[in-house]
Amino acid sequence: MEQITNGKLTNIEMEMAIDELKRNLPYFIQSTAVTAKVLKAKYDSLVSEGFTEQQAIEIIKVRPLYE
């Protein structure tokens, strides 16, 4: 019998989605580490070019990761 869920995920679909997230977790962790290195390099570069630490943080917050 088909389950009608009004556009919401069924329990089985939710479990499948969670399993997929678990399978991909190592890649998400690696991606986060790379992103952190890029942000740190961008911050250091801004400060070395004369921006204050606070200005560099604000620029990092509002600009895209890759430009």
PDB file of N, CA and C in Angstrom:
ATOM      1  N   MET A   1       0.841  -1.181   0.000  1.00  0.00           N
ATOM      2  CA  MET A   1       0.000   0.000   0.000  1.00  0.00           C
ATOM      3  C   MET A   1       0.892   1.254   0.000  1.00  0.00           C
ATOM      4  N   GLU A   2       0.549   2.217  -0.823  1.00  0.00           N
ATOM      5  CA  GLU A   2       1.322   3.451  -0.926  1.00  0.00           C
ATOM      6  C   GLU A   2       0.976   4.375   0.234  1.00  0.00           C
ATOM      7  N   GLN A   3       2.016   4.983   0.795  1.00  0.00           N
ATOM      8  CA  GLN A   3       1.815   5.888   1.910  1.00  0.00           C
ATOM      9  C   GLN A   3       1.709   7.318   1.385  1.00  0.00           C
ATOM     10  N   ILE A   4       0.650   8.008   1.710  1.00  0.00           N
ATOM     11  CA  ILE A   4       0.467   9.411   1.331  1.00  0.00           C
ATOM     12  C   ILE A   4       1.007  10.260   2.481  1.00  0.00           C
ATOM     13  N   THR A   5       1.920  11.153   2.163  1.00  0.00           N
ATOM     14  CA  THR A   5       2.555  11.929   3.232  1.00  0.00           C
ATOM     15  C   THR A   5       2.453  13.432   3.016  1.00  0.00           C
ATOM     16  N   ASN A   6       1.627  13.860   2.080  1.00  0.00           N
ATOM     17  CA  ASN A   6       1.456  15.293   1.816  1.00  0.00           C
ATOM     18  C   ASN A   6       2.783  16.004   1.552  1.00  0.00           C
ATOM     19  N   GLY A   7       3.654  15.363   0.776  1.00  0.00           N
ATOM     20  CA  GLY A   7       4.927  15.974   0.412  1.00  0.00           C
ATOM     21  C   GLY A   7       6.034  15.786   1.426  1.00  0.00           C
ATOM     22  N   LYS A   8       5.745  15.164   2.544  1.00  0.00           N
ATOM     23  CA  LYS A   8       6.766  14.930   3.562  1.00  0.00           C
ATOM     24  C   LYS A   8       7.431  13.582   3.309  1.00  0.00           C
ATOM     25  N   LEU A   9       8.658  13.441   3.792  1.00  0.00           N
ATOM     26  CA  LEU A   9       9.375  12.184   3.639  1.00  0.00           C
ATOM     27  C   LEU A   9       8.775  11.111   4.537  1.00  0.00           C
ATOM     28  N   THR A  10       8.719   9.905   4.006  1.00  0.00           N
ATOM     29  CA  THR A  10       8.301   8.780   4.841  1.00  0.00           C
ATOM     30  C   THR A  10       9.465   8.406   5.753  1.00  0.00           C
ATOM     31  N   ASN A  11       9.205   7.582   6.743  1.00  0.00           N
ATOM     32  CA  ASN A  11      10.269   7.139   7.646  1.00  0.00           C
ATOM     33  C   ASN A  11      11.372   6.416   6.882  1.00  0.00           C
ATOM     34  N   ILE A  12      10.988   5.591   5.928  1.00  0.00           N
ATOM     35  CA  ILE A  12      11.983   4.857   5.134  1.00  0.00           C
ATOM     36  C   ILE A  12      12.829   5.824   4.311  1.00  0.00           C
ATOM     37  N   GLU A  13      12.198   6.813   3.694  1.00  0.00           N
ATOM     38  CA  GLU A  13      12.944   7.808   2.914  1.00  0.00           C
ATOM     39  C   GLU A  13      13.900   8.591   3.811  1.00  0.00           C
ATOM     40  N   MET A  14      13.442   8.929   5.008  1.00  0.00           N
ATOM     41  CA  MET A  14      14.295   9.660   5.949  1.00  0.00           C
ATOM     42  C   MET A  14      15.484   8.799   6.370  1.00  0.00           C
ATOM     43  N   GLU A  15      15.248   7.525   6.641  1.00  0.00           N
ATOM     44  CA  GLU A  15      16.341   6.616   6.995  1.00  0.00           C
ATOM     45  C   GLU A  15      17.338   6.489   5.849  1.00  0.00           C
ATOM     46  N   MET A  16      16.838   6.428   4.623  1.00  0.00           N
ATOM     47  CA  MET A  16      17.721   6.343   3.464  1.00  0.00           C
ATOM     48  C   MET A  16      18.563   7.616   3.335  1.00  0.00           C
ATOM     49  N   ALA A  17      17.946   8.762   3.577  1.00  0.00           N
ATOM     50  CA  ALA A  17      18.670  10.031   3.499  1.00  0.00           C
ATOM     51  C   ALA A  17      19.759  10.094   4.570  1.00  0.00           C
ATOM     52  N   ILE A  18      19.444   9.625   5.768  1.00  0.00           N
ATOM     53  CA  ILE A  18      20.428   9.616   6.851  1.00  0.00           C
ATOM     54  C   ILE A  18      21.578   8.675   6.516  1.00  0.00           C
ATOM     55  N   ASP A  19      21.259   7.505   5.966  1.00  0.00           N
ATOM     56  CA  ASP A  19      22.310   6.569   5.554  1.00  0.00           C
ATOM     57  C   ASP A  19      23.231   7.203   4.514  1.00  0.00           C
ATOM     58  N   GLU A  20      22.660   7.935   3.579  1.00  0.00           N
ATOM     59  CA  GLU A  20      23.454   8.618   2.545  1.00  0.00           C
ATOM     60  C   GLU A  20      24.369   9.668   3.177  1.00  0.00           C
ATOM     61  N   LEU A  21      23.833  10.426   4.136  1.00  0.00           N
ATOM     62  CA  LEU A  21      24.659  11.411   4.835  1.00  0.00           C
ATOM     63  C   LEU A  21      25.815  10.741   5.570  1.00  0.00           C
ATOM     64  N   LYS A  22      25.535   9.617   6.208  1.00  0.00           N
ATOM     65  CA  LYS A  22      26.589   8.886   6.920  1.00  0.00           C
ATOM     66  C   LYS A  22      27.670   8.403   5.957  1.00  0.00           C
ATOM     67  N   ARG A  23      27.262   7.920   4.786  1.00  0.00           N
ATOM     68  CA  ARG A  23      28.239   7.456   3.793  1.00  0.00           C
ATOM     69  C   ARG A  23      29.123   8.606   3.309  1.00  0.00           C
ATOM     70  N   ASN A  24      28.549   9.788   3.226  1.00  0.00           N
ATOM     71  CA  ASN A  24      29.283  10.942   2.697  1.00  0.00           C
ATOM     72  C   ASN A  24      30.007  11.754   3.766  1.00  0.00           C
ATOM     73  N   LEU A  25      29.830  11.419   5.028  1.00  0.00           N
ATOM     74  CA  LEU A  25      30.413  12.195   6.121  1.00  0.00           C
ATOM     75  C   LEU A  25      31.921  12.409   5.981  1.00  0.00           C
ATOM     76  N   PRO A  26      32.711  11.392   5.649  1.00  0.00           N
ATOM     77  CA  PRO A  26      34.159  11.637   5.503  1.00  0.00           C
ATOM     78  C   PRO A  26      34.484  12.710   4.455  1.00  0.00           C
ATOM     79  N   TYR A  27      33.717  12.754   3.385  1.00  0.00           N
ATOM     80  CA  TYR A  27      33.948  13.757   2.340  1.00  0.00           C
ATOM     81  C   TYR A  27      33.555  15.151   2.818  1.00  0.00           C
ATOM     82  N   PHE A  28      32.466  15.248   3.592  1.00  0.00           N
ATOM     83  CA  PHE A  28      32.067  16.536   4.155  1.00  0.00           C
ATOM     84  C   PHE A  28      33.143  17.054   5.107  1.00  0.00           C
ATOM     85  N   ILE A  29      33.702  16.158   5.908  1.00  0.00           N
ATOM     86  CA  ILE A  29      34.748  16.556   6.849  1.00  0.00           C
ATOM     87  C   ILE A  29      35.981  17.045   6.098  1.00  0.00           C
ATOM     88  N   GLN A  30      36.396  16.339   5.057  1.00  0.00           N
ATOM     89  CA  GLN A  30      37.542  16.776   4.254  1.00  0.00           C
ATOM     90  C   GLN A  30      37.268  18.128   3.604  1.00  0.00           C
ATOM     91  N   SER A  31      36.067  18.301   3.103  1.00  0.00           N
ATOM     92  CA  SER A  31      35.694  19.555   2.453  1.00  0.00           C
ATOM     93  C   SER A  31      35.749  20.715   3.441  1.00  0.00           C
ATOM     94  N   THR A  32      35.300  20.474   4.660  1.00  0.00           N
ATOM     95  CA  THR A  32      35.327  21.509   5.687  1.00  0.00           C
ATOM     96  C   THR A  32      36.759  21.911   6.014  1.00  0.00           C
ATOM     97  N   ALA A  33      37.653  20.942   6.073  1.00  0.00           N
ATOM     98  CA  ALA A  33      39.064  21.237   6.352  1.00  0.00           C
ATOM     99  C   ALA A  33      39.670  22.090   5.243  1.00  0.00           C
ATOM    100  N   VAL A  34      39.357  21.777   4.008  1.00  0.00           N
ATOM    101  CA  VAL A  34      39.867  22.559   2.875  1.00  0.00           C
ATOM    102  C   VAL A  34      39.291  23.972   2.913  1.00  0.00           C
ATOM    103  N   THR A  35      38.007  24.082   3.180  1.00  0.00           N
ATOM    104  CA  THR A  35      37.364  25.394   3.265  1.00  0.00           C
ATOM    105  C   THR A  35      38.013  26.243   4.354  1.00  0.00           C
ATOM    106  N   ALA A  36      38.306  25.640   5.495  1.00  0.00           N
ATOM    107  CA  ALA A  36      38.948  26.370   6.590  1.00  0.00           C
ATOM    108  C   ALA A  36      40.317  26.895   6.166  1.00  0.00           C
ATOM    109  N   LYS A  37      41.076  26.095   5.444  1.00  0.00           N
ATOM    110  CA  LYS A  37      42.399  26.528   4.980  1.00  0.00           C
ATOM    111  C   LYS A  37      42.285  27.693   4.004  1.00  0.00           C
ATOM    112  N   VAL A  38      41.297  27.636   3.124  1.00  0.00           N
ATOM    113  CA  VAL A  38      41.091  28.725   2.163  1.00  0.00           C
ATOM    114  C   VAL A  38      40.709  30.008   2.896  1.00  0.00           C
ATOM    115  N   LEU A  39      39.800  29.904   3.860  1.00  0.00           N
ATOM    116  CA  LEU A  39      39.381  31.084   4.615  1.00  0.00           C
ATOM    117  C   LEU A  39      40.543  31.680   5.404  1.00  0.00           C
ATOM    118  N   LYS A  40      41.352  30.829   6.013  1.00  0.00           N
ATOM    119  CA  LYS A  40      42.511  31.312   6.782  1.00  0.00           C
ATOM    120  C   LYS A  40      43.509  32.001   5.858  1.00  0.00           C
ATOM    121  N   ALA A  41      43.759  31.423   4.701  1.00  0.00           N
ATOM    122  CA  ALA A  41      44.683  32.039   3.745  1.00  0.00           C
ATOM    123  C   ALA A  41      44.148  33.386   3.270  1.00  0.00           C
ATOM    124  N   LYS A  42      42.849  33.456   3.029  1.00  0.00           N
ATOM    125  CA  LYS A  42      42.230  34.710   2.588  1.00  0.00           C
ATOM    126  C   LYS A  42      42.350  35.771   3.685  1.00  0.00           C
ATOM    127  N   TYR A  43      42.063  35.369   4.922  1.00  0.00           N
ATOM    128  CA  TYR A  43      42.181  36.278   6.065  1.00  0.00           C
ATOM    129  C   TYR A  43      43.620  36.788   6.196  1.00  0.00           C
ATOM    130  N   ASP A  44      44.580  35.867   6.195  1.00  0.00           N
ATOM    131  CA  ASP A  44      45.990  36.251   6.329  1.00  0.00           C
ATOM    132  C   ASP A  44      46.414  37.201   5.213  1.00  0.00           C
ATOM    133  N   SER A  45      45.953  36.946   4.013  1.00  0.00           N
ATOM    134  CA  SER A  45      46.292  37.795   2.876  1.00  0.00           C
ATOM    135  C   SER A  45      45.721  39.198   3.046  1.00  0.00           C
ATOM    136  N   LEU A  46      44.485  39.277   3.488  1.00  0.00           N
ATOM    137  CA  LEU A  46      43.866  40.590   3.705  1.00  0.00           C
ATOM    138  C   LEU A  46      44.625  41.383   4.763  1.00  0.00           C
ATOM    139  N   VAL A  47      44.976  40.730   5.860  1.00  0.00           N
ATOM    140  CA  VAL A  47      45.713  41.406   6.930  1.00  0.00           C
ATOM    141  C   VAL A  47      47.096  41.834   6.432  1.00  0.00           C
ATOM    142  N   SER A  48      47.753  40.975   5.671  1.00  0.00           N
ATOM    143  CA  SER A  48      49.093  41.330   5.171  1.00  0.00           C
ATOM    144  C   SER A  48      49.037  42.472   4.160  1.00  0.00           C
ATOM    145  N   GLU A  49      47.891  42.667   3.530  1.00  0.00           N
ATOM    146  CA  GLU A  49      47.729  43.768   2.571  1.00  0.00           C
ATOM    147  C   GLU A  49      47.286  45.066   3.240  1.00  0.00           C
ATOM    148  N   GLY A  50      47.143  45.048   4.574  1.00  0.00           N
ATOM    149  CA  GLY A  50      46.870  46.290   5.283  1.00  0.00           C
ATOM    150  C   GLY A  50      45.503  46.414   5.927  1.00  0.00           C
ATOM    151  N   PHE A  51      44.638  45.447   5.723  1.00  0.00           N
ATOM    152  CA  PHE A  51      43.346  45.494   6.402  1.00  0.00           C
ATOM    153  C   PHE A  51      43.545  45.156   7.874  1.00  0.00           C
ATOM    154  N   THR A  52      42.720  45.752   8.732  1.00  0.00           N
ATOM    155  CA  THR A  52      42.778  45.370  10.143  1.00  0.00           C
ATOM    156  C   THR A  52      42.192  43.966  10.287  1.00  0.00           C
ATOM    157  N   GLU A  53      42.452  43.351  11.431  1.00  0.00           N
ATOM    158  CA  GLU A  53      41.904  42.016  11.664  1.00  0.00           C
ATOM    159  C   GLU A  53      40.377  42.038  11.586  1.00  0.00           C
ATOM    160  N   GLN A  54      39.766  43.080  12.166  1.00  0.00           N
ATOM    161  CA  GLN A  54      38.305  43.177  12.144  1.00  0.00           C
ATOM    162  C   GLN A  54      37.784  43.384  10.724  1.00  0.00           C
ATOM    163  N   GLN A  55      38.452  44.224   9.947  1.00  0.00           N
ATOM    164  CA  GLN A  55      38.052  44.420   8.555  1.00  0.00           C
ATOM    165  C   GLN A  55      38.166  43.115   7.769  1.00  0.00           C
ATOM    166  N   ALA A  56      39.242  42.386   7.992  1.00  0.00           N
ATOM    167  CA  ALA A  56      39.432  41.110   7.292  1.00  0.00           C
ATOM    168  C   ALA A  56      38.314  40.132   7.638  1.00  0.00           C
ATOM    169  N   ILE A  57      37.952  40.062   8.896  1.00  0.00           N
ATOM    170  CA  ILE A  57      36.856  39.175   9.313  1.00  0.00           C
ATOM    171  C   ILE A  57      35.555  39.573   8.635  1.00  0.00           C
ATOM    172  N   GLU A  58      35.277  40.865   8.595  1.00  0.00           N
ATOM    173  CA  GLU A  58      34.033  41.329   7.961  1.00  0.00           C
ATOM    174  C   GLU A  58      34.022  41.008   6.467  1.00  0.00           C
ATOM    175  N   ILE A  59      35.146  41.187   5.811  1.00  0.00           N
ATOM    176  CA  ILE A  59      35.232  40.860   4.379  1.00  0.00           C
ATOM    177  C   ILE A  59      34.993  39.372   4.177  1.00  0.00           C
ATOM    178  N   ILE A  60      35.613  38.547   5.003  1.00  0.00           N
ATOM    179  CA  ILE A  60      35.434  37.093   4.912  1.00  0.00           C
ATOM    180  C   ILE A  60      33.962  36.729   5.095  1.00  0.00           C
ATOM    181  N   LYS A  61      33.295  37.408   6.013  1.00  0.00           N
ATOM    182  CA  LYS A  61      31.895  37.085   6.310  1.00  0.00           C
ATOM    183  C   LYS A  61      30.957  37.402   5.151  1.00  0.00           C
ATOM    184  N   VAL A  62      31.242  38.460   4.403  1.00  0.00           N
ATOM    185  CA  VAL A  62      30.274  38.906   3.395  1.00  0.00           C
ATOM    186  C   VAL A  62      30.626  38.532   1.958  1.00  0.00           C
ATOM    187  N   ARG A  63      31.860  38.118   1.720  1.00  0.00           N
ATOM    188  CA  ARG A  63      32.263  37.787   0.352  1.00  0.00           C
ATOM    189  C   ARG A  63      32.194  36.283   0.130  1.00  0.00           C
ATOM    190  N   PRO A  64      31.989  35.858  -1.116  1.00  0.00           N
ATOM    191  CA  PRO A  64      31.976  34.415  -1.397  1.00  0.00           C
ATOM    192  C   PRO A  64      33.349  33.792  -1.149  1.00  0.00           C
ATOM    193  N   LEU A  65      33.346  32.500  -0.927  1.00  0.00           N
ATOM    194  CA  LEU A  65      34.595  31.784  -0.652  1.00  0.00           C
ATOM    195  C   LEU A  65      35.573  31.920  -1.812  1.00  0.00           C
ATOM    196  N   TYR A  66      35.074  31.695  -3.023  1.00  0.00           N
ATOM    197  CA  TYR A  66      35.915  31.791  -4.221  1.00  0.00           C
ATOM    198  C   TYR A  66      35.385  32.910  -5.097  1.00  0.00           C
ATOM    199  N   GLU A  67      36.282  33.811  -5.490  1.00  0.00           N
ATOM    200  CA  GLU A  67      35.864  34.916  -6.362  1.00  0.00           C
ATOM    201  C   GLU A  67      36.663  34.877  -7.637  1.00  0.00           C
TER     202      GLU A  67
END
